[in-house]
Amino acid sequence: MTRKRAKDPNVCGVTAAIAVIDGKWKTSLLWLLESGPHRPAALRRLLPGLSEKVLTQALREMEEDGLVHREVHDVLPPKTVYSLTPFGLELAEALAPLSDWGHRRLDRMTAS
């Protein structure tokens, strides 16, 4: 799915929503930021396998989509903190039932 589809008014709402969270790391980042602001290094520690380049790209896209807020503190060395915007929190709340469904699916698979 392309990022362009996230802004296409002629697609269904589910497609537009999935385009915003598409990718390997965005849902995990959304979940971590739901608990409060995090610095990029903390996010990388919590998500082994996530490279700095991919983290930066995902956070920039999420910022562009209005999901995260980037705050740069004017100190040396520079301190950057990411947090969810109200729009990002709204998305996290909307995804909660889908997360519950996913956990039930996993439980079913392990019970079989």
Protein backbone atom coordinates (compact mmCIF):
# COMPACT_ATOMS: atom_id res chain seq x y z
CA MET A 1 0.00 0.00 0.00
CA THR A 2 1.40 3.39 -0.84
CA ARG A 3 1.48 6.47 1.36
CA LYS A 4 -0.44 8.26 -1.38
CA ARG A 5 -3.47 6.07 -0.66
CA ALA A 6 -3.62 7.43 2.87
CA LYS A 7 -4.63 10.78 1.37
CA ASP A 8 -6.83 9.55 -1.48
CA PRO A 9 -10.44 10.62 -0.78
CA ASN A 10 -11.72 7.92 -3.16
CA VAL A 11 -10.70 4.91 -1.04
CA CYS A 12 -12.68 3.34 1.77
CA GLY A 13 -11.98 4.51 5.31
CA VAL A 14 -10.38 1.23 6.37
CA THR A 15 -7.90 1.45 3.48
CA ALA A 16 -7.06 5.04 4.41
CA ALA A 17 -6.52 4.06 8.05
CA ILE A 18 -4.37 1.03 7.20
CA ALA A 19 -2.23 3.15 4.88
CA VAL A 20 -1.34 5.35 7.87
CA ILE A 21 -0.22 2.40 10.05
CA ASP A 22 1.19 0.28 7.24
CA GLY A 23 4.65 -1.10 7.85
CA LYS A 24 6.41 -3.35 10.29
CA TRP A 25 6.98 -0.85 13.11
CA LYS A 26 4.25 1.78 13.16
CA THR A 27 1.73 -0.16 15.22
CA SER A 28 4.44 -1.04 17.75
CA LEU A 29 5.51 2.60 17.93
CA LEU A 30 1.89 3.67 18.35
CA TRP A 31 1.48 1.15 21.17
CA LEU A 32 4.65 2.29 22.97
CA LEU A 33 3.86 5.99 22.60
CA GLU A 34 0.38 5.37 23.97
CA SER A 35 1.99 4.87 27.38
CA GLY A 36 3.64 8.30 27.23
CA PRO A 37 6.44 10.32 25.60
CA HIS A 38 9.63 8.53 24.61
CA ARG A 39 13.02 9.51 23.32
CA PRO A 40 14.18 7.80 20.09
CA ALA A 41 16.91 5.81 21.86
CA ALA A 42 14.34 4.41 24.31
CA LEU A 43 12.09 3.36 21.43
CA ARG A 44 15.00 1.56 19.76
CA ARG A 45 15.84 -0.27 22.99
CA LEU A 46 12.24 -1.39 23.35
CA LEU A 47 12.05 -2.60 19.74
CA PRO A 48 15.07 -4.81 19.00
CA GLY A 49 15.78 -5.01 15.29
CA LEU A 50 14.53 -1.50 14.55
CA SER A 51 17.28 0.50 12.88
CA GLU A 52 17.78 4.21 13.53
CA LYS A 53 17.05 4.97 9.86
CA VAL A 54 13.75 3.08 9.83
CA LEU A 55 12.75 4.56 13.20
CA THR A 56 13.39 8.09 11.94
CA GLN A 57 11.45 7.42 8.74
CA ALA A 58 8.48 5.90 10.56
CA LEU A 59 8.33 8.72 13.12
CA ARG A 60 8.54 11.36 10.38
CA GLU A 61 5.70 9.72 8.48
CA MET A 62 3.63 9.44 11.65
CA GLU A 63 4.35 13.11 12.39
CA GLU A 64 3.32 14.05 8.84
CA ASP A 65 0.08 12.11 9.33
CA GLY A 66 -0.62 14.00 12.54
CA LEU A 67 -0.21 10.99 14.84
CA VAL A 68 2.90 12.01 16.74
CA HIS A 69 4.33 15.24 18.06
CA ARG A 70 8.08 15.84 17.95
CA GLU A 71 9.46 18.11 20.62
CA VAL A 72 13.08 19.24 20.48
CA HIS A 73 14.52 20.65 23.70
CA ASP A 74 17.18 23.32 23.29
CA VAL A 75 19.93 21.68 25.33
CA LEU A 76 23.32 20.20 24.55
CA PRO A 77 23.25 17.52 23.36
CA PRO A 78 19.86 18.08 21.71
CA LYS A 79 17.02 16.16 23.32
CA THR A 80 14.11 14.99 21.18
CA VAL A 81 10.94 13.51 22.62
CA TYR A 82 8.04 11.96 20.72
CA SER A 83 4.48 11.70 21.99
CA LEU A 84 1.09 10.91 20.54
CA THR A 85 -1.13 13.75 19.44
CA PRO A 86 -4.84 13.68 20.32
CA PHE A 87 -5.40 12.34 16.78
CA GLY A 88 -2.82 9.59 17.43
CA LEU A 89 -4.51 8.70 20.72
CA GLU A 90 -7.81 8.50 18.87
CA LEU A 91 -6.27 6.04 16.42
CA ALA A 92 -4.81 3.97 19.27
CA GLU A 93 -8.26 3.78 20.88
CA ALA A 94 -9.83 2.80 17.56
CA LEU A 95 -7.27 -0.01 17.17
CA ALA A 96 -7.86 -1.43 20.67
CA PRO A 97 -10.76 -3.71 19.58
CA LEU A 98 -8.67 -4.95 16.65
CA SER A 99 -5.84 -5.72 19.08
CA ASP A 100 -8.24 -7.65 21.31
CA TRP A 101 -9.41 -9.63 18.29
CA GLY A 102 -5.80 -10.38 17.36
CA HIS A 103 -5.07 -11.73 20.84
CA ARG A 104 -8.18 -13.93 20.70
CA ARG A 105 -7.00 -15.23 17.31
CA LEU A 106 -3.58 -16.06 18.74
CA ASP A 107 -5.21 -17.84 21.70
CA ARG A 108 -7.32 -19.90 19.29
CA MET A 109 -4.27 -20.85 17.25
CA THR A 110 -2.33 -22.03 20.29
CA ALA A 111 -5.35 -23.94 21.62
CA SER A 112 -5.67 -25.96 18.41
